[in-house]
C-alpha atoms as a PDB file:
ATOM      1  CA  MET A   1     -10.654  14.990  -1.094  1.00  0.00           C
ATOM      2  CA  LEU A   2      -7.510  15.415  -4.061  1.00  0.00           C
ATOM      3  CA  PHE A   3      -5.291  12.479  -4.033  1.00  0.00           C
ATOM      4  CA  HIS A   4      -2.200  14.125  -3.272  1.00  0.00           C
ATOM      5  CA  GLU A   5      -4.115  15.647   0.288  1.00  0.00           C
ATOM      6  CA  ARG A   6      -4.108  12.176   1.300  1.00  0.00           C
ATOM      7  CA  PHE A   7      -0.693  12.018   2.717  1.00  0.00           C
ATOM      8  CA  THR A   8       2.137  14.646   3.473  1.00  0.00           C
ATOM      9  CA  LEU A   9       4.972  13.601   1.746  1.00  0.00           C
ATOM     10  CA  PRO A  10       8.567  14.715   3.678  1.00  0.00           C
ATOM     11  CA  GLU A  11      11.003  17.320   2.034  1.00  0.00           C
ATOM     12  CA  GLU A  12      13.931  16.438   0.099  1.00  0.00           C
ATOM     13  CA  GLY A  13      16.897  15.801   2.136  1.00  0.00           C
ATOM     14  CA  GLN A  14      14.459  15.402   5.510  1.00  0.00           C
ATOM     15  CA  HIS A  15      15.922  12.741   7.522  1.00  0.00           C
ATOM     16  CA  ASP A  16      13.586  12.975  10.624  1.00  0.00           C
ATOM     17  CA  ALA A  17      10.008  13.287  11.380  1.00  0.00           C
ATOM     18  CA  ASP A  18       8.937  16.829  12.321  1.00  0.00           C
ATOM     19  CA  PRO A  19       8.238  16.896  16.127  1.00  0.00           C
ATOM     20  CA  ALA A  20       5.084  18.393  15.040  1.00  0.00           C
ATOM     21  CA  TRP A  21       4.006  15.337  13.312  1.00  0.00           C
ATOM     22  CA  PHE A  22       3.406  12.898  16.542  1.00  0.00           C
ATOM     23  CA  GLU A  23       1.351  15.747  18.258  1.00  0.00           C
ATOM     24  CA  ARG A  24      -0.893  15.391  14.825  1.00  0.00           C
ATOM     25  CA  GLN A  25      -1.108  11.950  15.025  1.00  0.00           C
ATOM     26  CA  LYS A  26      -2.603  12.057  19.092  1.00  0.00           C
ATOM     27  CA  GLN A  27      -5.059  14.262  17.466  1.00  0.00           C
ATOM     28  CA  ARG A  28      -6.406  12.573  14.838  1.00  0.00           C
ATOM     29  CA  PRO A  29     -10.485  11.645  15.312  1.00  0.00           C
ATOM     30  CA  VAL A  30     -11.342   8.947  17.451  1.00  0.00           C
ATOM     31  CA  GLN A  31     -14.709   7.289  17.067  1.00  0.00           C
ATOM     32  CA  SER A  32     -17.381   8.717  19.571  1.00  0.00           C
ATOM     33  CA  ASN A  33     -14.489  10.969  21.071  1.00  0.00           C
ATOM     34  CA  ASP A  34     -13.978   7.964  23.802  1.00  0.00           C
ATOM     35  CA  ALA A  35     -11.604   8.574  26.288  1.00  0.00           C
ATOM     36  CA  SER A  36     -10.214   5.092  26.196  1.00  0.00           C
ATOM     37  CA  LEU A  37      -9.930   5.000  22.500  1.00  0.00           C
ATOM     38  CA  ARG A  38      -7.950   8.351  22.648  1.00  0.00           C
ATOM     39  CA  ASP A  39      -5.768   7.579  26.071  1.00  0.00           C
ATOM     40  CA  TRP A  40      -4.655   4.419  24.134  1.00  0.00           C
ATOM     41  CA  LEU A  41      -3.747   6.444  20.795  1.00  0.00           C
ATOM     42  CA  ALA A  42      -1.262   8.873  23.025  1.00  0.00           C
ATOM     43  CA  THR A  43       0.316   6.078  24.535  1.00  0.00           C
ATOM     44  CA  GLU A  44       0.743   4.441  20.997  1.00  0.00           C
ATOM     45  CA  VAL A  45       1.951   7.496  19.416  1.00  0.00           C
ATOM     46  CA  ASP A  46       4.306   8.654  22.218  1.00  0.00           C
ATOM     47  CA  ALA A  47       5.770   4.795  22.087  1.00  0.00           C
ATOM     48  CA  LEU A  48       5.948   5.510  18.487  1.00  0.00           C
ATOM     49  CA  LYS A  49       7.796   8.829  18.834  1.00  0.00           C
ATOM     50  CA  ALA A  50      10.637   7.166  21.440  1.00  0.00           C
ATOM     51  CA  PHE A  51      11.283   4.441  18.486  1.00  0.00           C
ATOM     52  CA  HIS A  52      12.367   7.226  15.936  1.00  0.00           C
ATOM     53  CA  ASP A  53      14.118   8.623  18.465  1.00  0.00           C
ATOM     54  CA  ALA A  54      16.087   5.704  19.256  1.00  0.00           C
ATOM     55  CA  HIS A  55      14.996   5.689  22.869  1.00  0.00           C
ATOM     56  CA  THR A  56      13.573   2.100  22.422  1.00  0.00           C
ATOM     57  CA  ASN A  57      14.163  -0.877  20.356  1.00  0.00           C
ATOM     58  CA  ALA A  58      11.778  -2.296  17.832  1.00  0.00           C
ATOM     59  CA  GLU A  59      10.590  -4.810  20.306  1.00  0.00           C
ATOM     60  CA  GLU A  60      10.323  -2.769  23.277  1.00  0.00           C
ATOM     61  CA  ALA A  61       8.226   0.034  20.956  1.00  0.00           C
ATOM     62  CA  ALA A  62       6.072  -3.328  19.683  1.00  0.00           C
ATOM     63  CA  LEU A  63       5.272  -4.074  23.593  1.00  0.00           C
ATOM     64  CA  HIS A  64       4.381  -0.759  24.335  1.00  0.00           C
ATOM     65  CA  MET A  65       2.730   0.223  21.594  1.00  0.00           C
ATOM     66  CA  THR A  66       0.273  -3.065  21.638  1.00  0.00           C
ATOM     67  CA  ARG A  67      -0.015  -3.246  25.280  1.00  0.00           C
ATOM     68  CA  PRO A  68      -3.132  -0.981  25.834  1.00  0.00           C
ATOM     69  CA  LEU A  69      -5.302  -3.151  23.099  1.00  0.00           C
ATOM     70  CA  SER A  70      -3.580  -6.420  24.547  1.00  0.00           C
ATOM     71  CA  ALA A  71      -4.180  -5.571  28.185  1.00  0.00           C
ATOM     72  CA  SER A  72      -7.371  -3.640  27.650  1.00  0.00           C
ATOM     73  CA  PRO A  73     -11.413  -4.862  27.030  1.00  0.00           C
ATOM     74  CA  VAL A  74     -13.172  -4.563  23.541  1.00  0.00           C
ATOM     75  CA  PRO A  75     -14.631  -0.847  24.111  1.00  0.00           C
ATOM     76  CA  ALA A  76     -18.376  -0.947  24.940  1.00  0.00           C
ATOM     77  CA  LEU A  77     -19.397   1.421  22.198  1.00  0.00           C
ATOM     78  CA  GLY A  78     -22.578  -0.377  21.309  1.00  0.00           C
ATOM     79  CA  GLY A  79     -21.318  -1.176  17.729  1.00  0.00           C
ATOM     80  CA  TYR A  80     -21.207  -4.547  16.178  1.00  0.00           C
ATOM     81  CA  SER A  81     -17.450  -3.776  15.159  1.00  0.00           C
ATOM     82  CA  ASP A  82     -16.084  -2.113  18.361  1.00  0.00           C
ATOM     83  CA  HIS A  83     -13.451  -4.736  18.499  1.00  0.00           C
ATOM     84  CA  THR A  84     -12.012  -2.712  15.269  1.00  0.00           C
ATOM     85  CA  LEU A  85     -12.016   0.782  16.214  1.00  0.00           C
ATOM     86  CA  ALA A  86      -8.722   0.763  18.311  1.00  0.00           C
ATOM     87  CA  LEU A  87      -7.266  -1.608  16.428  1.00  0.00           C
ATOM     88  CA  GLY A  88      -8.299   0.735  13.040  1.00  0.00           C
ATOM     89  CA  ASN A  89      -6.214   4.035  14.904  1.00  0.00           C
ATOM     90  CA  LEU A  90      -3.239   2.350  15.648  1.00  0.00           C
ATOM     91  CA  TRP A  91      -2.793   0.915  12.088  1.00  0.00           C
ATOM     92  CA  ARG A  92      -3.458   4.896  10.532  1.00  0.00           C
ATOM     93  CA  VAL A  93      -0.898   5.823  12.997  1.00  0.00           C
ATOM     94  CA  ALA A  94       1.650   2.720  11.385  1.00  0.00           C
ATOM     95  CA  ILE A  95       0.586   3.625   7.793  1.00  0.00           C
ATOM     96  CA  ALA A  96       1.136   7.308   8.078  1.00  0.00           C
ATOM     97  CA  ALA A  97       4.916   6.621   9.401  1.00  0.00           C
ATOM     98  CA  LEU A  98       5.126   4.478   6.126  1.00  0.00           C
ATOM     99  CA  MET A  99       3.867   7.216   3.896  1.00  0.00           C
ATOM    100  CA  GLU A 100       5.053  10.027   5.687  1.00  0.00           C
ATOM    101  CA  TRP A 101       8.096   9.464   7.538  1.00  0.00           C
ATOM    102  CA  PRO A 102      11.154  10.379   5.159  1.00  0.00           C
ATOM    103  CA  SER A 103      12.242   7.322   3.389  1.00  0.00           C
ATOM    104  CA  THR A 104      15.386   6.764   5.054  1.00  0.00           C
ATOM    105  CA  ARG A 105      13.078   5.681   7.983  1.00  0.00           C
ATOM    106  CA  THR A 106      10.692   3.737   6.165  1.00  0.00           C
ATOM    107  CA  PRO A 107      12.884   0.178   6.664  1.00  0.00           C
ATOM    108  CA  GLU A 108      12.923   0.702  10.540  1.00  0.00           C
ATOM    109  CA  VAL A 109       8.878   1.052  10.426  1.00  0.00           C
ATOM    110  CA  PHE A 110       8.845  -2.061   8.697  1.00  0.00           C
ATOM    111  CA  THR A 111      11.436  -3.498  11.277  1.00  0.00           C
ATOM    112  CA  LEU A 112       8.609  -2.215  13.930  1.00  0.00           C
ATOM    113  CA  LEU A 113       5.773  -3.719  11.970  1.00  0.00           C
ATOM    114  CA  ASP A 114       7.872  -6.946  12.140  1.00  0.00           C
ATOM    115  CA  ALA A 115       8.300  -7.056  15.580  1.00  0.00           C
ATOM    116  CA  ILE A 116       4.710  -5.552  16.219  1.00  0.00           C
ATOM    117  CA  ALA A 117       3.955  -9.593  14.317  1.00  0.00           C
ATOM    118  CA  LYS A 118       6.033 -11.096  17.231  1.00  0.00           C
ATOM    119  CA  VAL A 119       3.948  -9.724  20.277  1.00  0.00           C
ATOM    120  CA  PRO A 120       2.657 -12.543  22.443  1.00  0.00           C
ATOM    121  CA  GLY A 121      -0.747 -13.033  22.932  1.00  0.00           C
ATOM    122  CA  ASN A 122      -4.038 -11.799  21.927  1.00  0.00           C
ATOM    123  CA  ILE A 123      -5.520  -8.594  21.067  1.00  0.00           C
ATOM    124  CA  HIS A 124      -8.052  -6.904  23.712  1.00  0.00           C
ATOM    125  CA  LYS A 125      -7.746 -10.051  26.318  1.00  0.00           C
ATOM    126  CA  GLY A 126      -8.662 -12.520  23.893  1.00  0.00           C
ATOM    127  CA  GLU A 127     -12.367 -10.687  23.227  1.00  0.00           C
ATOM    128  CA  ALA A 128     -11.870  -9.595  19.624  1.00  0.00           C
ATOM    129  CA  VAL A 129     -12.321 -12.478  17.185  1.00  0.00           C
ATOM    130  CA  ASP A 130     -12.446 -12.969  13.684  1.00  0.00           C
ATOM    131  CA  ASP A 131     -16.154 -14.466  11.763  1.00  0.00           C
ATOM    132  CA  GLU A 132     -15.147 -17.923  12.611  1.00  0.00           C
ATOM    133  CA  GLY A 133     -14.926 -17.033  16.284  1.00  0.00           C
ATOM    134  CA  GLU A 134     -11.143 -17.295  16.510  1.00  0.00           C
ATOM    135  CA  GLN A 135      -9.336 -15.098  18.807  1.00  0.00           C
ATOM    136  CA  LEU A 136      -7.370 -12.550  17.105  1.00  0.00           C
ATOM    137  CA  THR A 137      -3.533 -11.997  17.300  1.00  0.00           C
ATOM    138  CA  TRP A 138      -0.900  -9.597  16.422  1.00  0.00           C
ATOM    139  CA  ALA A 139       0.559 -12.149  13.798  1.00  0.00           C
ATOM    140  CA  GLN A 140      -2.236 -11.636  11.526  1.00  0.00           C
ATOM    141  CA  PHE A 141      -2.334  -7.694  11.415  1.00  0.00           C
ATOM    142  CA  PRO A 142      -5.796  -7.695  11.978  1.00  0.00           C
ATOM    143  CA  TYR A 143      -7.803  -5.744   9.684  1.00  0.00           C
ATOM    144  CA  PHE A 144      -4.425  -3.624   8.604  1.00  0.00           C
ATOM    145  CA  GLY A 145      -5.420  -4.541   4.882  1.00  0.00           C
ATOM    146  CA  MET A 146      -8.834  -2.792   5.304  1.00  0.00           C
ATOM    147  CA  ILE A 147      -7.234   0.363   6.821  1.00  0.00           C
ATOM    148  CA  TRP A 148      -4.438   0.707   4.167  1.00  0.00           C
ATOM    149  CA  HIS A 149      -7.768   0.493   1.407  1.00  0.00           C
ATOM    150  CA  GLU A 150      -9.010   3.243   3.254  1.00  0.00           C
ATOM    151  CA  SER A 151      -6.594   5.298   3.861  1.00  0.00           C
ATOM    152  CA  THR A 152      -4.655   5.145   0.258  1.00  0.00           C
ATOM    153  CA  GLY A 153      -7.648   4.792  -1.733  1.00  0.00           C
ATOM    154  CA  THR A 154      -6.002   2.004  -3.541  1.00  0.00           C
ATOM    155  CA  ASP A 155      -9.113   1.404  -5.892  1.00  0.00           C
ATOM    156  CA  ILE A 156      -8.246   4.722  -7.492  1.00  0.00           C
ATOM    157  CA  GLN A 157      -6.553   4.446 -10.807  1.00  0.00           C
ATOM    158  CA  PRO A 158      -3.970   6.661 -12.397  1.00  0.00           C
ATOM    159  CA  GLY A 159      -6.372   8.254 -15.051  1.00  0.00           C
ATOM    160  CA  GLN A 160      -8.421   9.275 -12.680  1.00  0.00           C
ATOM    161  CA  ILE A 161      -6.397  10.835 -10.346  1.00  0.00           C
ATOM    162  CA  CYS A 162      -5.256  12.733 -13.403  1.00  0.00           C
ATOM    163  CA  ARG A 163      -8.695  14.138 -13.539  1.00  0.00           C
ATOM    164  CA  GLN A 164      -8.430  15.600 -10.480  1.00  0.00           C
ATOM    165  CA  TYR A 165      -5.622  18.203 -11.802  1.00  0.00           C
ATOM    166  CA  PRO A 166      -6.655  19.676 -14.954  1.00  0.00           C
ATOM    167  CA  ASP A 167      -5.132  23.279 -14.540  1.00  0.00           C
ATOM    168  CA  SER A 168      -2.222  22.391 -11.644  1.00  0.00           C
ATOM    169  CA  ALA A 169       0.919  20.908 -13.240  1.00  0.00           C
ATOM    170  CA  LEU A 170       2.260  20.938  -9.755  1.00  0.00           C
ATOM    171  CA  GLY A 171      -0.918  19.109  -7.702  1.00  0.00           C
ATOM    172  CA  ALA A 172      -0.111  16.609 -10.723  1.00  0.00           C
ATOM    173  CA  LEU A 173       3.240  16.116  -9.717  1.00  0.00           C
ATOM    174  CA  GLN A 174       2.238  15.486  -6.362  1.00  0.00           C
ATOM    175  CA  ALA A 175      -0.675  12.997  -6.930  1.00  0.00           C
ATOM    176  CA  ARG A 176       1.988  11.161  -8.926  1.00  0.00           C
ATOM    177  CA  LYS A 177       4.565  10.864  -6.620  1.00  0.00           C
ATOM    178  CA  LEU A 178       2.328  10.135  -3.513  1.00  0.00           C
ATOM    179  CA  TYR A 179       0.935   7.423  -5.976  1.00  0.00           C
ATOM    180  CA  LEU A 180       3.660   5.934  -5.946  1.00  0.00           C
ATOM    181  CA  ARG A 181       5.169   5.715  -3.161  1.00  0.00           C
ATOM    182  CA  VAL A 182       2.025   4.167  -1.562  1.00  0.00           C
ATOM    183  CA  LYS A 183       2.553   1.619  -4.783  1.00  0.00           C
ATOM    184  CA  ASN A 184       6.445   1.207  -3.333  1.00  0.00           C
ATOM    185  CA  VAL A 185       5.620   0.773   0.703  1.00  0.00           C
ATOM    186  CA  GLU A 186       2.404  -1.278  -0.698  1.00  0.00           C
ATOM    187  CA  ALA A 187       4.877  -3.938  -2.752  1.00  0.00           C
ATOM    188  CA  GLN A 188       6.919  -4.181   0.529  1.00  0.00           C
ATOM    189  CA  LEU A 189       4.172  -4.907   2.398  1.00  0.00           C
ATOM    190  CA  VAL A 190       2.884  -7.964   0.602  1.00  0.00           C
ATOM    191  CA  ALA A 191       6.607  -8.867   0.446  1.00  0.00           C
ATOM    192  CA  LYS A 192       6.384  -8.899   4.199  1.00  0.00           C
ATOM    193  CA  HIS A 193       2.788 -10.771   4.362  1.00  0.00           C
ATOM    194  CA  VAL A 194       1.471  -7.774   6.384  1.00  0.00           C
ATOM    195  CA  LEU A 195      -0.887  -7.614   2.976  1.00  0.00           C
ATOM    196  CA  PRO A 196      -1.837 -10.583   1.249  1.00  0.00           C
ATOM    197  CA  MET A 197      -0.875 -10.512  -2.427  1.00  0.00           C
ATOM    198  CA  ASN A 198      -3.757 -10.738  -4.188  1.00  0.00           C
ATOM    199  CA  LYS A 199      -5.516 -10.004  -8.243  1.00  0.00           C
ATOM    200  CA  THR A 200      -5.485  -6.408  -7.812  1.00  0.00           C
ATOM    201  CA  MET A 201      -1.122  -6.583  -8.263  1.00  0.00           C
ATOM    202  CA  ILE A 202      -1.937  -8.957 -10.852  1.00  0.00           C
ATOM    203  CA  GLN A 203      -4.658  -6.562 -12.405  1.00  0.00           C
ATOM    204  CA  LEU A 204      -2.138  -3.655 -12.377  1.00  0.00           C
ATOM    205  CA  ILE A 205       0.396  -5.614 -14.362  1.00  0.00           C
ATOM    206  CA  ILE A 206      -2.122  -6.570 -17.206  1.00  0.00           C
ATOM    207  CA  ARG A 207      -3.282  -2.884 -17.723  1.00  0.00           C
ATOM    208  CA  ALA A 208       0.043  -1.559 -17.498  1.00  0.00           C
ATOM    209  CA  LEU A 209       1.436  -3.646 -20.309  1.00  0.00           C
ATOM    210  CA  GLU A 210      -1.293  -5.681 -22.173  1.00  0.00           C
ATOM    211  CA  LYS A 211      -3.795  -2.660 -22.837  1.00  0.00           C
ATOM    212  CA  GLU A 212      -3.066  -1.189 -26.376  1.00  0.00           C
ATOM    213  CA  ILE A 213      -2.401   2.519 -25.060  1.00  0.00           C
ATOM    214  CA  ASP A 214      -3.838   5.319 -27.889  1.00  0.00           C
ATOM    215  CA  GLN A 215      -4.007   8.844 -28.013  1.00  0.00           C
ATOM    216  CA  SER A 216      -7.067   9.167 -25.555  1.00  0.00           C
ATOM    217  CA  ASP A 217      -4.895   7.375 -22.543  1.00  0.00           C
ATOM    218  CA  GLU A 218      -2.805  10.767 -23.106  1.00  0.00           C
ATOM    219  CA  GLN A 219      -5.821  12.695 -22.697  1.00  0.00           C
ATOM    220  CA  LEU A 220      -7.877  13.750 -19.483  1.00  0.00           C
ATOM    221  CA  ALA A 221     -10.404  11.274 -19.158  1.00  0.00           C
ATOM    222  CA  PRO A 222     -13.830  12.755 -19.604  1.00  0.00           C
ATOM    223  CA  ASP A 223     -15.435  10.828 -16.765  1.00  0.00           C
ATOM    224  CA  GLU A 224     -14.375   8.307 -14.188  1.00  0.00           C
ATOM    225  CA  ALA A 225     -15.245   5.131 -16.340  1.00  0.00           C
ATOM    226  CA  THR A 226     -12.941   6.330 -18.590  1.00  0.00           C
ATOM    227  CA  GLY A 227     -10.258   7.233 -16.103  1.00  0.00           C
ATOM    228  CA  TYR A 228     -10.167   3.717 -14.552  1.00  0.00           C
ATOM    229  CA  SER A 229      -9.280   1.836 -17.650  1.00  0.00           C
ATOM    230  CA  GLN A 230      -6.615   4.874 -18.883  1.00  0.00           C
ATOM    231  CA  VAL A 231      -2.692   3.592 -18.744  1.00  0.00           C
ATOM    232  CA  LYS A 232      -0.591   6.666 -17.864  1.00  0.00           C
ATOM    233  CA  LEU A 233       2.610   5.252 -18.857  1.00  0.00           C
ATOM    234  CA  ASP A 234       4.064   7.254 -16.179  1.00  0.00           C
ATOM    235  CA  PHE A 235       2.407   6.017 -13.411  1.00  0.00           C
ATOM    236  CA  HIS A 236       1.893   2.252 -14.056  1.00  0.00           C
ATOM    237  CA  ILE A 237       5.509   1.321 -15.182  1.00  0.00           C
ATOM    238  CA  PRO A 238       7.280   2.426 -12.126  1.00  0.00           C
ATOM    239  CA  ALA A 239       4.625   1.221 -10.161  1.00  0.00           C
ATOM    240  CA  ILE A 240       4.440  -2.492 -11.988  1.00  0.00           C
ATOM    241  CA  SER A 241       8.434  -2.047 -11.146  1.00  0.00           C
ATOM    242  CA  PHE A 242       7.866  -1.703  -7.460  1.00  0.00           C
ATOM    243  CA  VAL A 243       5.618  -5.167  -7.563  1.00  0.00           C
ATOM    244  CA  PHE A 244       8.550  -6.748  -9.638  1.00  0.00           C
ATOM    245  CA  LYS A 245      11.304  -5.792  -7.369  1.00  0.00           C
ATOM    246  CA  TYR A 246       9.783  -7.292  -3.965  1.00  0.00           C
ATOM    247  CA  ASN A 247       7.356  -9.930  -5.565  1.00  0.00           C
ATOM    248  CA  GLU A 248       8.613 -11.158  -8.444  1.00  0.00           C
ATOM    249  CA  ARG A 249       8.683 -14.531  -7.573  1.00  0.00           C
ATOM    250  CA  GLU A 250       4.999 -14.573  -6.469  1.00  0.00           C
ATOM    251  CA  VAL A 251       3.858 -13.188  -9.175  1.00  0.00           C
ATOM    252  CA  TYR A 252       5.625 -15.805 -11.609  1.00  0.00           C
ATOM    253  CA  ASP A 253       4.323 -18.413  -9.710  1.00  0.00           C
ATOM    254  CA  GLN A 254       0.820 -17.043  -9.645  1.00  0.00           C
ATOM    255  CA  VAL A 255       0.862 -16.148 -13.469  1.00  0.00           C
ATOM    256  CA  VAL A 256       2.876 -19.030 -14.925  1.00  0.00           C
ATOM    257  CA  THR A 257       3.310 -21.948 -12.470  1.00  0.00           C
ATOM    258  CA  LYS A 258      -0.699 -21.752 -11.207  1.00  0.00           C
ATOM    259  CA  GLY A 259      -2.204 -19.787 -14.316  1.00  0.00           C
ATOM    260  CA  LEU A 260      -4.930 -17.362 -14.294  1.00  0.00           C
ATOM    261  CA  GLY A 261      -7.350 -19.602 -16.163  1.00  0.00           C
ATOM    262  CA  HIS A 262      -9.588 -19.962 -13.106  1.00  0.00           C
ATOM    263  CA  TRP A 263      -9.769 -15.973 -13.927  1.00  0.00           C
ATOM    264  CA  THR A 264     -13.503 -14.875 -14.517  1.00  0.00           C
ATOM    265  CA  LYS A 265     -13.534 -12.377 -17.453  1.00  0.00           C
ATOM    266  CA  ARG A 266     -15.049  -9.774 -14.895  1.00  0.00           C
ATOM    267  CA  GLN A 267     -11.378 -10.117 -13.727  1.00  0.00           C
ATOM    268  CA  MET A 268      -9.365  -9.242 -16.087  1.00  0.00           C
ATOM    269  CA  PRO A 269      -9.053  -5.833 -16.736  1.00  0.00           C
ATOM    270  CA  ASP A 270     -10.184  -4.057 -19.991  1.00  0.00           C
ATOM    271  CA  GLY A 271      -7.511  -4.488 -22.980  1.00  0.00           C
ATOM    272  CA  SER A 272      -6.371  -7.466 -21.414  1.00  0.00           C
ATOM    273  CA  ARG A 273      -5.235 -10.174 -24.081  1.00  0.00           C
ATOM    274  CA  GLU A 274      -5.306 -13.812 -24.326  1.00  0.00           C
ATOM    275  CA  PHE A 275      -3.085 -16.182 -23.995  1.00  0.00           C
ATOM    276  CA  GLN A 276      -2.855 -19.910 -24.182  1.00  0.00           C
ATOM    277  CA  THR A 277      -0.345 -20.316 -21.106  1.00  0.00           C
ATOM    278  CA  GLY A 278       0.815 -18.095 -18.378  1.00  0.00           C
ATOM    279  CA  ALA A 279       4.497 -18.857 -19.809  1.00  0.00           C
ATOM    280  CA  GLU A 280       3.124 -16.656 -23.135  1.00  0.00           C
ATOM    281  CA  ARG A 281       1.736 -14.020 -21.095  1.00  0.00           C
ATOM    282  CA  TRP A 282       5.029 -13.644 -19.087  1.00  0.00           C
ATOM    283  CA  SER A 283       7.177 -13.423 -22.598  1.00  0.00           C
ATOM    284  CA  PHE A 284       4.771 -10.889 -23.938  1.00  0.00           C
ATOM    285  CA  TRP A 285       5.209  -8.993 -20.403  1.00  0.00           C
ATOM    286  CA  ARG A 286       8.941  -9.369 -21.105  1.00  0.00           C
ATOM    287  CA  ARG A 287       8.692  -7.828 -24.976  1.00  0.00           C
ATOM    288  CA  ARG A 288       6.424  -5.120 -23.762  1.00  0.00           C
ATOM    289  CA  LEU A 289       9.576  -3.817 -21.046  1.00  0.00           C
ATOM    290  CA  GLU A 290      11.522  -4.379 -23.708  1.00  0.00           C
ATOM    291  CA  GLU A 291       9.512  -1.994 -25.848  1.00  0.00           C
ATOM    292  CA  LEU A 292       9.296   0.595 -23.555  1.00  0.00           C
ATOM    293  CA  SER A 293      12.823   0.491 -22.318  1.00  0.00           C
ATOM    294  CA  GLN A 294      14.224   1.354 -25.711  1.00  0.00           C
ATOM    295  CA  GLY A 295      11.322   3.215 -26.943  1.00  0.00           C
ATOM    296  CA  ASN A 296      10.229   7.039 -26.969  1.00  0.00           C
ATOM    297  CA  ALA A 297       9.368   7.395 -23.940  1.00  0.00           C
ATOM    298  CA  ASP A 298      10.400   9.561 -21.051  1.00  0.00           C
ATOM    299  CA  GLU A 299      13.584   8.469 -19.059  1.00  0.00           C
ATOM    300  CA  GLU A 300      11.749   7.458 -15.814  1.00  0.00           C
ATOM    301  CA  VAL A 301       9.577   4.905 -17.810  1.00  0.00           C
ATOM    302  CA  LYS A 302      12.745   3.599 -19.505  1.00  0.00           C
ATOM    303  CA  ALA A 303      14.202   3.150 -16.570  1.00  0.00           C
ATOM    304  CA  ALA A 304      11.700   1.445 -14.483  1.00  0.00           C
ATOM    305  CA  ALA A 305      10.801  -0.861 -17.559  1.00  0.00           C
ATOM    306  CA  GLN A 306      14.741  -1.875 -17.758  1.00  0.00           C
ATOM    307  CA  ALA A 307      14.387  -2.436 -14.076  1.00  0.00           C
ATOM    308  CA  SER A 308      11.542  -4.406 -14.292  1.00  0.00           C
ATOM    309  CA  LEU A 309      13.180  -7.089 -16.692  1.00  0.00           C
ATOM    310  CA  GLU A 310      15.911  -7.136 -14.372  1.00  0.00           C
ATOM    311  CA  TYR A 311      14.036  -8.303 -11.430  1.00  0.00           C
ATOM    312  CA  MET A 312      11.847 -10.757 -13.685  1.00  0.00           C
ATOM    313  CA  THR A 313      15.041 -12.332 -15.030  1.00  0.00           C
ATOM    314  CA  SER A 314      16.828 -12.392 -11.406  1.00  0.00           C
ATOM    315  CA  GLY A 315      13.966 -14.580  -9.739  1.00  0.00           C
ATOM    316  CA  VAL A 316      13.492 -17.157 -12.321  1.00  0.00           C
END
């Protein structure tokens, strides 16, 4: 699958999700084509449409969307992860809404997720439990991170994405647009505690700002491994601006207050630099962003670098 085919982005100026979008969600593949899973998915999509059309508020929609899973036992399909199947279907629809609804509607989806977190009770009548045997609750957003990772391909790096479009400028443009939307939404999910802050976000910043960029970064990578390590400024710098916009304080705490001294060498991206303190690393990031904001980069990169500098200052 080419990267830009993971989601269909809305058209410019679009204000509402197309009614056909909801019907497509109902036709998503369902494991074993189990009738219960299919019925639950249809109920969830109908509740989401009622919310989109302003026929219900977030709290009502959250109750309607979660009720099938709250009130039903784990489907007995004979697998060791049967308790994740219905949850996965629900989260895939929510993720598709975050990615495919017009951006003006994205805050509504976050409001809905916040309401889901407040739904009382356990999942699958309390039958769904974690590895420690504790009952799963909606407040935990169980397995959301797994489905986000699977749906968005969060391990795919910009250099690898660019390799997919050697002869298609339009495809590359769409892929970049989708990548930046993924990173924008992901940063907000972390800020809202739907996803945890993890090393991946810090690694993204380190790779973008510490690697010595040379001519090879501007070319199509000859293989996946090279593509993984490349820096593409028009991808990386806007992406890290979203991290700083929504999670600047958390990043500062991780890098400066706590420090990265407990990280192993393998956890550091290729091209990372050595610093005596987290404050030195933070200062280096600022200098690099200042260079980008005033250098020969394109206007979007310069604007994103300047925005990152402002976010880094506002929260410290």
